[in-house]
C-alpha atoms as a PDB file:
ATOM      1  CA  MET A   1     -89.414  72.374 -46.001  1.00  0.00           C
ATOM      2  CA  ILE A   2     -86.836  69.742 -45.314  1.00  0.00           C
ATOM      3  CA  SER A   3     -86.246  67.660 -48.805  1.00  0.00           C
ATOM      4  CA  ASP A   4     -85.733  64.072 -48.800  1.00  0.00           C
ATOM      5  CA  SER A   5     -82.351  64.351 -49.051  1.00  0.00           C
ATOM      6  CA  ASP A   6     -81.826  65.642 -45.982  1.00  0.00           C
ATOM      7  CA  ARG A   7     -83.771  63.281 -44.126  1.00  0.00           C
ATOM      8  CA  ASN A   8     -81.133  60.716 -44.836  1.00  0.00           C
ATOM      9  CA  THR A   9     -78.555  62.574 -43.957  1.00  0.00           C
ATOM     10  CA  PRO A  10     -77.074  61.943 -40.615  1.00  0.00           C
ATOM     11  CA  THR A  11     -76.894  64.482 -37.879  1.00  0.00           C
ATOM     12  CA  THR A  12     -73.542  64.821 -37.026  1.00  0.00           C
ATOM     13  CA  GLY A  13     -74.179  67.102 -33.917  1.00  0.00           C
ATOM     14  CA  LEU A  14     -76.665  64.786 -32.037  1.00  0.00           C
ATOM     15  CA  VAL A  15     -73.832  61.604 -32.904  1.00  0.00           C
ATOM     16  CA  ASP A  16     -71.253  63.545 -31.391  1.00  0.00           C
ATOM     17  CA  ASN A  17     -73.473  64.324 -28.326  1.00  0.00           C
ATOM     18  CA  SER A  18     -73.832  60.593 -27.847  1.00  0.00           C
ATOM     19  CA  GLY A  19     -70.742  59.858 -27.896  1.00  0.00           C
ATOM     20  CA  LEU A  20     -69.585  62.588 -25.342  1.00  0.00           C
ATOM     21  CA  LYS A  21     -72.144  60.843 -23.039  1.00  0.00           C
ATOM     22  CA  LEU A  22     -70.468  57.570 -23.779  1.00  0.00           C
ATOM     23  CA  LEU A  23     -66.936  58.866 -22.650  1.00  0.00           C
ATOM     24  CA  SER A  24     -67.895  60.701 -19.993  1.00  0.00           C
ATOM     25  CA  LYS A  25     -69.826  57.920 -18.361  1.00  0.00           C
ATOM     26  CA  GLN A  26     -66.829  55.809 -19.110  1.00  0.00           C
ATOM     27  CA  VAL A  27     -64.622  58.352 -17.414  1.00  0.00           C
ATOM     28  CA  ASN A  28     -66.762  58.508 -14.668  1.00  0.00           C
ATOM     29  CA  ASN A  29     -66.423  54.895 -14.337  1.00  0.00           C
ATOM     30  CA  LEU A  30     -62.540  54.913 -14.396  1.00  0.00           C
ATOM     31  CA  GLY A  31     -62.531  57.825 -11.770  1.00  0.00           C
ATOM     32  CA  SER A  32     -64.513  55.999  -9.497  1.00  0.00           C
ATOM     33  CA  GLN A  33     -62.159  52.795  -9.532  1.00  0.00           C
ATOM     34  CA  VAL A  34     -58.762  54.717  -9.353  1.00  0.00           C
ATOM     35  CA  SER A  35     -60.676  56.237  -6.240  1.00  0.00           C
ATOM     36  CA  SER A  36     -61.815  52.676  -4.924  1.00  0.00           C
ATOM     37  CA  LEU A  37     -58.039  51.420  -5.814  1.00  0.00           C
ATOM     38  CA  SER A  38     -56.753  54.460  -4.085  1.00  0.00           C
ATOM     39  CA  GLU A  39     -58.655  53.818  -0.697  1.00  0.00           C
ATOM     40  CA  ASP A  40     -57.439  49.964  -1.017  1.00  0.00           C
ATOM     41  CA  LEU A  41     -54.078  51.579  -1.257  1.00  0.00           C
ATOM     42  CA  ARG A  42     -54.472  53.478   2.022  1.00  0.00           C
ATOM     43  CA  SER A  43     -56.008  50.451   3.723  1.00  0.00           C
ATOM     44  CA  MET A  44     -52.818  48.568   3.199  1.00  0.00           C
ATOM     45  CA  LYS A  45     -50.276  51.266   4.167  1.00  0.00           C
ATOM     46  CA  THR A  46     -52.639  51.400   7.856  1.00  0.00           C
ATOM     47  CA  GLU A  47     -52.482  47.884   7.782  1.00  0.00           C
ATOM     48  CA  VAL A  48     -48.686  47.494   7.175  1.00  0.00           C
ATOM     49  CA  ARG A  49     -47.924  50.426   9.978  1.00  0.00           C
ATOM     50  CA  LYS A  50     -49.404  48.220  12.547  1.00  0.00           C
ATOM     51  CA  ILE A  51     -47.115  45.547  11.428  1.00  0.00           C
ATOM     52  CA  PRO A  52     -44.348  45.495  14.293  1.00  0.00           C
ATOM     53  CA  ALA A  53     -41.059  45.749  13.147  1.00  0.00           C
ATOM     54  CA  PRO A  54     -38.247  42.713  13.553  1.00  0.00           C
ATOM     55  CA  THR A  55     -37.388  42.449  17.310  1.00  0.00           C
ATOM     56  CA  THR A  56     -33.525  41.664  17.301  1.00  0.00           C
ATOM     57  CA  ILE A  57     -31.153  41.823  20.380  1.00  0.00           C
ATOM     58  CA  TYR A  58     -28.001  43.650  18.575  1.00  0.00           C
ATOM     59  CA  GLN A  59     -27.657  46.046  15.745  1.00  0.00           C
ATOM     60  CA  TYR A  60     -24.130  46.812  14.697  1.00  0.00           C
ATOM     61  CA  PRO A  61     -21.507  46.964  11.174  1.00  0.00           C
ATOM     62  CA  LYS A  62     -20.063  44.237  10.383  1.00  0.00           C
ATOM     63  CA  GLY A  63     -15.852  44.491  10.122  1.00  0.00           C
ATOM     64  CA  TYR A  64     -13.749  41.841   8.066  1.00  0.00           C
ATOM     65  CA  GLY A  65     -10.367  42.829   9.302  1.00  0.00           C
ATOM     66  CA  ALA A  66      -8.400  45.879   7.817  1.00  0.00           C
ATOM     67  CA  GLY A  67      -9.966  47.704   4.998  1.00  0.00           C
ATOM     68  CA  SER A  68     -13.011  46.456   5.333  1.00  0.00           C
ATOM     69  CA  THR A  69     -15.938  48.843   3.920  1.00  0.00           C
ATOM     70  CA  ASP A  70     -18.561  46.180   3.583  1.00  0.00           C
ATOM     71  CA  VAL A  71     -21.557  47.532   6.353  1.00  0.00           C
ATOM     72  CA  VAL A  72     -24.742  45.760   7.132  1.00  0.00           C
ATOM     73  CA  LYS A  73     -27.460  45.444   9.339  1.00  0.00           C
ATOM     74  CA  TYR A  74     -25.822  42.392  11.660  1.00  0.00           C
ATOM     75  CA  TYR A  75     -28.163  40.671  14.166  1.00  0.00           C
ATOM     76  CA  LYS A  76     -27.205  37.952  16.732  1.00  0.00           C
ATOM     77  CA  THR A  77     -27.770  36.900  20.570  1.00  0.00           C
ATOM     78  CA  ASN A  78     -24.706  38.586  22.653  1.00  0.00           C
ATOM     79  CA  PHE A  79     -24.459  36.044  25.920  1.00  0.00           C
ATOM     80  CA  LEU A  80     -22.202  39.080  27.274  1.00  0.00           C
ATOM     81  CA  SER A  81     -25.018  41.066  27.850  1.00  0.00           C
ATOM     82  CA  ILE A  82     -26.004  42.532  31.182  1.00  0.00           C
ATOM     83  CA  GLY A  83     -29.340  41.398  30.794  1.00  0.00           C
ATOM     84  CA  ALA A  84     -28.340  38.246  30.298  1.00  0.00           C
ATOM     85  CA  GLY A  85     -27.701  37.740  33.907  1.00  0.00           C
ATOM     86  CA  VAL A  86     -23.383  37.268  33.030  1.00  0.00           C
ATOM     87  CA  LEU A  87     -21.030  37.676  36.487  1.00  0.00           C
ATOM     88  CA  ILE A  88     -17.316  39.225  35.850  1.00  0.00           C
ATOM     89  CA  ASP A  89     -15.472  36.764  38.174  1.00  0.00           C
ATOM     90  CA  PRO A  90     -12.909  39.335  39.880  1.00  0.00           C
ATOM     91  CA  TYR A  91     -10.141  36.502  40.831  1.00  0.00           C
ATOM     92  CA  MET A  92      -9.480  36.106  37.144  1.00  0.00           C
ATOM     93  CA  THR A  93      -9.738  39.697  35.806  1.00  0.00           C
ATOM     94  CA  SER A  94      -7.143  41.652  35.912  1.00  0.00           C
ATOM     95  CA  PRO A  95      -6.700  44.661  38.000  1.00  0.00           C
ATOM     96  CA  THR A  96      -8.181  47.896  37.164  1.00  0.00           C
ATOM     97  CA  ALA A  97      -5.517  50.344  36.534  1.00  0.00           C
ATOM     98  CA  GLU A  98      -6.086  53.664  38.638  1.00  0.00           C
ATOM     99  CA  PRO A  99      -7.159  57.030  37.132  1.00  0.00           C
ATOM    100  CA  LYS A 100      -4.467  59.643  37.080  1.00  0.00           C
ATOM    101  CA  TYR A 101      -4.979  62.829  38.537  1.00  0.00           C
ATOM    102  CA  ASN A 102      -3.195  65.588  40.031  1.00  0.00           C
ATOM    103  CA  ILE A 103      -3.666  66.693  43.789  1.00  0.00           C
ATOM    104  CA  ILE A 104      -5.631  69.248  42.842  1.00  0.00           C
ATOM    105  CA  GLN A 105      -8.408  66.902  40.440  1.00  0.00           C
ATOM    106  CA  LYS A 106      -8.310  64.317  43.019  1.00  0.00           C
ATOM    107  CA  ALA A 107      -9.425  66.885  45.783  1.00  0.00           C
ATOM    108  CA  TYR A 108     -12.125  68.039  43.999  1.00  0.00           C
ATOM    109  CA  LEU A 109     -13.672  65.029  42.598  1.00  0.00           C
ATOM    110  CA  TYR A 110     -13.479  63.173  46.032  1.00  0.00           C
ATOM    111  CA  LEU A 111     -15.138  66.284  47.787  1.00  0.00           C
ATOM    112  CA  THR A 112     -17.570  66.417  45.316  1.00  0.00           C
ATOM    113  CA  LYS A 113     -17.857  62.525  45.148  1.00  0.00           C
ATOM    114  CA  HIS A 114     -17.970  62.763  41.233  1.00  0.00           C
ATOM    115  CA  GLU A 115     -18.606  59.573  39.269  1.00  0.00           C
ATOM    116  CA  HIS A 116     -14.829  59.640  37.555  1.00  0.00           C
ATOM    117  CA  TYR A 117     -12.761  59.374  40.870  1.00  0.00           C
ATOM    118  CA  HIS A 118     -12.654  56.181  40.410  1.00  0.00           C
ATOM    119  CA  GLN A 119     -11.667  54.397  37.365  1.00  0.00           C
ATOM    120  CA  GLN A 120     -14.980  52.321  35.354  1.00  0.00           C
ATOM    121  CA  PRO A 121     -14.961  48.877  36.277  1.00  0.00           C
ATOM    122  CA  PRO A 122     -14.543  45.541  34.335  1.00  0.00           C
ATOM    123  CA  ARG A 123     -18.583  45.478  33.822  1.00  0.00           C
ATOM    124  CA  ALA A 124     -17.793  48.389  31.449  1.00  0.00           C
ATOM    125  CA  ALA A 125     -16.576  46.064  28.847  1.00  0.00           C
ATOM    126  CA  LEU A 126     -19.712  44.601  28.678  1.00  0.00           C
ATOM    127  CA  THR A 127     -21.913  47.395  28.440  1.00  0.00           C
ATOM    128  CA  PRO A 128     -23.284  49.894  25.363  1.00  0.00           C
ATOM    129  CA  TRP A 129     -20.728  53.084  25.631  1.00  0.00           C
ATOM    130  CA  GLU A 130     -21.307  56.583  23.788  1.00  0.00           C
ATOM    131  CA  ASP A 131     -18.029  58.690  23.895  1.00  0.00           C
ATOM    132  CA  TYR A 132     -14.728  58.642  24.897  1.00  0.00           C
ATOM    133  CA  GLY A 133     -13.672  57.325  28.375  1.00  0.00           C
ATOM    134  CA  ASP A 134     -16.761  55.193  28.393  1.00  0.00           C
ATOM    135  CA  CYS A 135     -14.871  51.582  28.780  1.00  0.00           C
ATOM    136  CA  TRP A 136     -12.440  49.613  31.198  1.00  0.00           C
ATOM    137  CA  CYS A 137      -8.988  49.999  31.689  1.00  0.00           C
ATOM    138  CA  SER A 138      -6.930  47.397  33.114  1.00  0.00           C
ATOM    139  CA  ALA A 139      -3.463  47.647  34.051  1.00  0.00           C
ATOM    140  CA  PRO A 140      -1.537  44.621  32.295  1.00  0.00           C
ATOM    141  CA  ARG A 141       0.558  42.370  34.354  1.00  0.00           C
ATOM    142  CA  GLN A 142       3.775  41.426  32.211  1.00  0.00           C
ATOM    143  CA  GLY A 143       1.960  43.054  29.492  1.00  0.00           C
ATOM    144  CA  MET A 144      -1.562  40.821  29.646  1.00  0.00           C
ATOM    145  CA  SER A 145      -4.897  41.638  30.894  1.00  0.00           C
ATOM    146  CA  GLN A 146      -7.690  39.090  31.285  1.00  0.00           C
ATOM    147  CA  LEU A 147     -11.292  39.863  31.350  1.00  0.00           C
ATOM    148  CA  ALA A 148     -13.097  36.885  32.953  1.00  0.00           C
ATOM    149  CA  VAL A 149     -16.872  36.044  32.588  1.00  0.00           C
ATOM    150  CA  ILE A 150     -19.459  33.857  33.954  1.00  0.00           C
ATOM    151  CA  LEU A 151     -22.047  33.015  31.332  1.00  0.00           C
ATOM    152  CA  SER A 152     -25.740  32.789  32.577  1.00  0.00           C
ATOM    153  CA  ARG A 153     -26.139  29.837  29.968  1.00  0.00           C
ATOM    154  CA  ARG A 154     -24.606  27.264  28.762  1.00  0.00           C
ATOM    155  CA  ILE A 155     -23.566  28.189  24.874  1.00  0.00           C
ATOM    156  CA  LEU A 156     -21.686  27.139  22.168  1.00  0.00           C
ATOM    157  CA  PRO A 157     -19.641  30.114  21.712  1.00  0.00           C
ATOM    158  CA  GLU A 158     -19.011  30.790  17.499  1.00  0.00           C
ATOM    159  CA  GLU A 159     -17.495  34.293  17.104  1.00  0.00           C
ATOM    160  CA  VAL A 160     -16.156  37.584  18.917  1.00  0.00           C
ATOM    161  CA  VAL A 161     -16.765  41.042  18.470  1.00  0.00           C
ATOM    162  CA  VAL A 162     -14.623  43.878  19.646  1.00  0.00           C
ATOM    163  CA  GLU A 163     -15.271  47.671  20.182  1.00  0.00           C
ATOM    164  CA  HIS A 164     -13.169  50.452  20.295  1.00  0.00           C
ATOM    165  CA  MET A 165     -14.195  54.114  20.417  1.00  0.00           C
ATOM    166  CA  PRO A 166     -12.512  55.042  16.554  1.00  0.00           C
ATOM    167  CA  LYS A 167      -8.957  56.105  16.511  1.00  0.00           C
ATOM    168  CA  ALA A 168      -9.987  59.643  15.296  1.00  0.00           C
ATOM    169  CA  ALA A 169     -12.296  60.520  18.031  1.00  0.00           C
ATOM    170  CA  THR A 170      -9.980  59.079  20.930  1.00  0.00           C
ATOM    171  CA  LEU A 171      -7.190  60.613  22.862  1.00  0.00           C
ATOM    172  CA  ARG A 172      -5.262  57.716  23.585  1.00  0.00           C
ATOM    173  CA  PRO A 173      -5.234  55.186  20.935  1.00  0.00           C
ATOM    174  CA  GLU A 174      -2.067  53.670  22.163  1.00  0.00           C
ATOM    175  CA  VAL A 175      -4.556  51.676  24.463  1.00  0.00           C
ATOM    176  CA  ALA A 176      -6.575  49.966  22.225  1.00  0.00           C
ATOM    177  CA  PRO A 177      -6.077  46.192  22.552  1.00  0.00           C
ATOM    178  CA  GLN A 178      -4.568  44.468  19.687  1.00  0.00           C
ATOM    179  CA  ASN A 179      -4.032  40.929  19.912  1.00  0.00           C
ATOM    180  CA  MET A 180      -6.385  38.565  21.579  1.00  0.00           C
ATOM    181  CA  GLU A 181      -7.396  35.176  22.711  1.00  0.00           C
ATOM    182  CA  LEU A 182     -10.543  33.542  24.043  1.00  0.00           C
ATOM    183  CA  TRP A 183     -10.173  30.728  26.354  1.00  0.00           C
ATOM    184  CA  VAL A 184     -13.706  29.047  27.769  1.00  0.00           C
ATOM    185  CA  ARG A 185     -14.506  26.194  30.615  1.00  0.00           C
ATOM    186  CA  TYR A 186     -16.107  23.634  28.827  1.00  0.00           C
ATOM    187  CA  ARG A 187     -18.693  21.817  30.666  1.00  0.00           C
ATOM    188  CA  TYR A 188     -20.436  17.995  29.654  1.00  0.00           C
ATOM    189  CA  VAL A 189     -24.065  18.027  28.999  1.00  0.00           C
ATOM    190  CA  GLY A 190     -24.846  14.918  27.803  1.00  0.00           C
ATOM    191  CA  LYS A 191     -26.412  11.848  29.780  1.00  0.00           C
ATOM    192  CA  GLY A 192     -25.351  11.684  33.084  1.00  0.00           C
ATOM    193  CA  SER A 193     -24.065  14.994  33.531  1.00  0.00           C
ATOM    194  CA  ARG A 194     -24.011  16.738  37.314  1.00  0.00           C
ATOM    195  CA  PRO A 195     -26.437  19.594  37.790  1.00  0.00           C
ATOM    196  CA  TYR A 196     -25.135  23.270  37.758  1.00  0.00           C
ATOM    197  CA  LYS A 197     -24.790  24.355  41.498  1.00  0.00           C
ATOM    198  CA  TRP A 198     -23.718  27.903  42.614  1.00  0.00           C
ATOM    199  CA  SER A 199     -21.827  27.884  45.767  1.00  0.00           C
ATOM    200  CA  VAL A 200     -21.837  31.588  46.978  1.00  0.00           C
ATOM    201  CA  SER A 201     -19.667  30.693  49.930  1.00  0.00           C
ATOM    202  CA  SER A 202     -17.005  29.268  47.458  1.00  0.00           C
ATOM    203  CA  PHE A 203     -17.084  32.704  44.988  1.00  0.00           C
ATOM    204  CA  LEU A 204     -16.872  34.981  48.246  1.00  0.00           C
ATOM    205  CA  ARG A 205     -13.978  33.272  49.611  1.00  0.00           C
ATOM    206  CA  GLY A 206     -12.075  33.555  46.189  1.00  0.00           C
ATOM    207  CA  ASN A 207     -12.016  29.995  44.749  1.00  0.00           C
ATOM    208  CA  PRO A 208     -13.428  30.543  41.659  1.00  0.00           C
ATOM    209  CA  GLU A 209     -12.962  26.609  40.645  1.00  0.00           C
ATOM    210  CA  THR A 210     -15.486  25.861  43.208  1.00  0.00           C
ATOM    211  CA  ILE A 211     -18.344  27.985  42.141  1.00  0.00           C
ATOM    212  CA  ALA A 212     -20.005  25.206  40.225  1.00  0.00           C
ATOM    213  CA  GLY A 213     -19.154  22.356  42.097  1.00  0.00           C
ATOM    214  CA  GLN A 214     -15.459  21.167  43.102  1.00  0.00           C
ATOM    215  CA  ASP A 215     -16.854  16.951  42.435  1.00  0.00           C
ATOM    216  CA  ALA A 216     -18.445  18.136  39.262  1.00  0.00           C
ATOM    217  CA  LEU A 217     -15.694  20.148  37.749  1.00  0.00           C
ATOM    218  CA  LYS A 218     -13.610  17.216  38.307  1.00  0.00           C
ATOM    219  CA  SER A 219     -15.691  14.585  36.867  1.00  0.00           C
ATOM    220  CA  ASP A 220     -16.631  17.069  33.727  1.00  0.00           C
ATOM    221  CA  ARG A 221     -12.555  17.309  33.491  1.00  0.00           C
ATOM    222  CA  LYS A 222     -12.403  13.533  33.121  1.00  0.00           C
ATOM    223  CA  ILE A 223     -15.156  13.127  30.782  1.00  0.00           C
ATOM    224  CA  LEU A 224     -14.381  15.788  28.341  1.00  0.00           C
ATOM    225  CA  ARG A 225     -10.256  16.396  28.764  1.00  0.00           C
ATOM    226  CA  GLY A 226      -8.987  13.339  26.066  1.00  0.00           C
ATOM    227  CA  PRO A 227     -11.713  13.952  23.172  1.00  0.00           C
ATOM    228  CA  VAL A 228     -11.820  17.895  23.495  1.00  0.00           C
ATOM    229  CA  LEU A 229      -7.962  17.820  23.391  1.00  0.00           C
ATOM    230  CA  ASP A 230      -8.189  15.653  20.084  1.00  0.00           C
ATOM    231  CA  ALA A 231     -10.238  17.982  18.472  1.00  0.00           C
ATOM    232  CA  LEU A 232      -8.676  21.081  19.559  1.00  0.00           C
ATOM    233  CA  ARG A 233      -5.474  19.468  18.069  1.00  0.00           C
ATOM    234  CA  LEU A 234      -6.988  19.391  14.908  1.00  0.00           C
ATOM    235  CA  ALA A 235      -7.983  23.245  14.994  1.00  0.00           C
ATOM    236  CA  TRP A 236      -4.376  24.188  16.202  1.00  0.00           C
ATOM    237  CA  ARG A 237      -2.050  22.146  14.046  1.00  0.00           C
ATOM    238  CA  ASP A 238       1.338  22.265  14.149  1.00  0.00           C
ATOM    239  CA  GLU A 239       1.141  23.779  18.097  1.00  0.00           C
ATOM    240  CA  PRO A 240       1.748  21.815  20.813  1.00  0.00           C
ATOM    241  CA  ASP A 241      -0.967  21.140  23.516  1.00  0.00           C
ATOM    242  CA  SER A 242       0.475  23.355  25.646  1.00  0.00           C
ATOM    243  CA  SER A 243      -0.464  26.751  23.718  1.00  0.00           C
ATOM    244  CA  PHE A 244      -4.435  25.902  24.076  1.00  0.00           C
ATOM    245  CA  SER A 245      -4.704  24.025  27.746  1.00  0.00           C
ATOM    246  CA  ASP A 246      -3.201  23.839  31.023  1.00  0.00           C
ATOM    247  CA  ASP A 247      -2.550  27.407  30.938  1.00  0.00           C
ATOM    248  CA  PRO A 248      -0.612  28.048  34.071  1.00  0.00           C
ATOM    249  CA  TYR A 249      -3.191  31.613  34.475  1.00  0.00           C
ATOM    250  CA  LEU A 250      -6.347  29.308  34.372  1.00  0.00           C
ATOM    251  CA  GLY A 251      -5.251  25.767  35.308  1.00  0.00           C
ATOM    252  CA  PRO A 252      -6.821  22.466  33.373  1.00  0.00           C
ATOM    253  CA  ASP A 253     -10.381  23.333  32.684  1.00  0.00           C
ATOM    254  CA  PHE A 254      -9.732  26.253  29.951  1.00  0.00           C
ATOM    255  CA  TYR A 255      -9.310  25.796  26.620  1.00  0.00           C
ATOM    256  CA  LYS A 256      -8.251  28.287  23.968  1.00  0.00           C
ATOM    257  CA  VAL A 257     -10.701  28.299  21.143  1.00  0.00           C
ATOM    258  CA  GLY A 258      -9.858  31.926  19.158  1.00  0.00           C
ATOM    259  CA  THR A 259      -6.887  34.323  18.530  1.00  0.00           C
ATOM    260  CA  TRP A 260      -7.058  37.380  16.617  1.00  0.00           C
ATOM    261  CA  MET A 261      -5.997  41.040  16.230  1.00  0.00           C
ATOM    262  CA  TYR A 262      -7.643  44.147  16.511  1.00  0.00           C
ATOM    263  CA  ASP A 263      -6.785  46.711  14.337  1.00  0.00           C
ATOM    264  CA  ILE A 264      -7.125  50.178  15.472  1.00  0.00           C
ATOM    265  CA  ASN A 265      -6.222  51.714  11.916  1.00  0.00           C
ATOM    266  CA  ASP A 266      -9.196  49.855  10.422  1.00  0.00           C
ATOM    267  CA  LYS A 267     -12.320  51.526   8.903  1.00  0.00           C
ATOM    268  CA  GLN A 268     -14.558  49.845  10.979  1.00  0.00           C
ATOM    269  CA  HIS A 269     -14.365  50.444  14.911  1.00  0.00           C
ATOM    270  CA  ILE A 270     -16.223  47.461  15.746  1.00  0.00           C
ATOM    271  CA  GLN A 271     -14.496  44.304  14.560  1.00  0.00           C
ATOM    272  CA  ARG A 272     -15.510  40.373  14.244  1.00  0.00           C
ATOM    273  CA  PHE A 273     -13.927  37.640  14.903  1.00  0.00           C
ATOM    274  CA  PRO A 274     -15.137  33.824  14.160  1.00  0.00           C
ATOM    275  CA  LEU A 275     -13.466  31.425  15.964  1.00  0.00           C
ATOM    276  CA  THR A 276     -11.058  28.811  15.543  1.00  0.00           C
ATOM    277  CA  ALA A 277     -12.210  26.313  16.986  1.00  0.00           C
ATOM    278  CA  ILE A 278     -15.704  25.573  17.515  1.00  0.00           C
ATOM    279  CA  ILE A 279     -16.653  21.788  19.206  1.00  0.00           C
ATOM    280  CA  ASP A 280     -20.112  21.755  17.698  1.00  0.00           C
ATOM    281  CA  SER A 281     -21.608  18.441  20.178  1.00  0.00           C
ATOM    282  CA  ASP A 282     -24.428  18.432  22.000  1.00  0.00           C
ATOM    283  CA  ASP A 283     -23.023  16.866  24.476  1.00  0.00           C
ATOM    284  CA  VAL A 284     -20.050  20.108  25.150  1.00  0.00           C
ATOM    285  CA  ARG A 285     -21.203  23.814  26.238  1.00  0.00           C
ATOM    286  CA  VAL A 286     -19.061  26.680  27.604  1.00  0.00           C
ATOM    287  CA  ASP A 287     -20.100  28.026  30.971  1.00  0.00           C
ATOM    288  CA  LYS A 288     -17.439  30.710  31.291  1.00  0.00           C
ATOM    289  CA  VAL A 289     -15.205  32.305  29.374  1.00  0.00           C
ATOM    290  CA  VAL A 290     -12.089  34.407  29.577  1.00  0.00           C
ATOM    291  CA  PHE A 291     -10.897  38.094  27.448  1.00  0.00           C
ATOM    292  CA  ARG A 292      -6.979  37.653  27.279  1.00  0.00           C
ATOM    293  CA  VAL A 293      -5.004  40.591  25.676  1.00  0.00           C
ATOM    294  CA  ASN A 294      -1.798  40.008  25.113  1.00  0.00           C
ATOM    295  CA  SER A 295      -0.605  43.192  23.678  1.00  0.00           C
ATOM    296  CA  ASN A 296      -1.826  46.617  22.664  1.00  0.00           C
ATOM    297  CA  TRP A 297      -0.883  49.667  20.626  1.00  0.00           C
ATOM    298  CA  GLY A 298       1.827  50.715  22.471  1.00  0.00           C
ATOM    299  CA  GLY A 299       0.064  52.339  26.332  1.00  0.00           C
ATOM    300  CA  ASN A 300       1.113  51.382  29.485  1.00  0.00           C
ATOM    301  CA  GLU A 301      -2.897  50.694  30.327  1.00  0.00           C
ATOM    302  CA  THR A 302      -5.226  48.521  27.956  1.00  0.00           C
ATOM    303  CA  CYS A 303      -8.846  49.831  27.440  1.00  0.00           C
ATOM    304  CA  ILE A 304     -11.786  47.746  26.369  1.00  0.00           C
ATOM    305  CA  TYR A 305     -14.643  49.386  25.298  1.00  0.00           C
ATOM    306  CA  ARG A 306     -16.977  46.466  24.792  1.00  0.00           C
ATOM    307  CA  VAL A 307     -16.213  42.757  23.605  1.00  0.00           C
ATOM    308  CA  LYS A 308     -19.346  40.668  22.552  1.00  0.00           C
ATOM    309  CA  LEU A 309     -19.796  36.637  22.419  1.00  0.00           C
ATOM    310  CA  HIS A 310     -22.365  35.407  19.385  1.00  0.00           C
ATOM    311  CA  GLY A 311     -23.241  31.548  19.431  1.00  0.00           C
ATOM    312  CA  ARG A 312     -25.937  29.102  20.090  1.00  0.00           C
ATOM    313  CA  LEU A 313     -27.670  27.455  22.866  1.00  0.00           C
END
């Protein structure tokens, strides 16, 4: 028989069993929530993968000069891209250096029609490179080389990028450019400006000045010369006008807007250089540029692996 005292005593086993059931139910609910959360997370990851990566024009390490260790992903439009429609002006560009081969090598390359029988053309200085020799080598005249490029768009130049084979990887570090300049041709794009016209026949006849129309160039020169000189005098303080205008090789339409030194000993073989003079006016843009190399690192030739030009429309 069960006594009264036994009836009033709680049954511990029954209580514990009930608590376990409740705890089990809570664990099951929690498991369902975790499962649902995991499913949501997988769904989010799937959606993220579907998002397109940011589209950019170029990506390269940013070099600020000797000893630079700041390397970041750097995105800007390259206005010297062949795909953008630029053209090399052969009349203002230095001649290409002839490759140095012995007689047997020349005969073999000629008979096999090897692609390296002739040196890389100036266009190579505007295209991507992969290895040693993927560059344009010029034959300097009195130590100076030039690369002239007609732009496909009128732009406001802001900085230059120069690329060369790393010193440790090249067989001829002495042919790398050293002291360089950028000269530009300004065009008036304000109210009443003349339309941009090409003259193919003038280009083929070898008169670069008439490519865009001689009358238009004279008109732009008359409008822009005074204001451009005033602006450049502020950028090139204590220098005579002859140091940045009226160059004997380029004529009265070109002006110097930047000077820099490419350092072959720098840790960064891709180096960028902000321009010294930037005329930020809606009425003035640049349609042609000339890269000038005044010296290299001791070679008889000057080789450029790639130059880029950044700015805005």
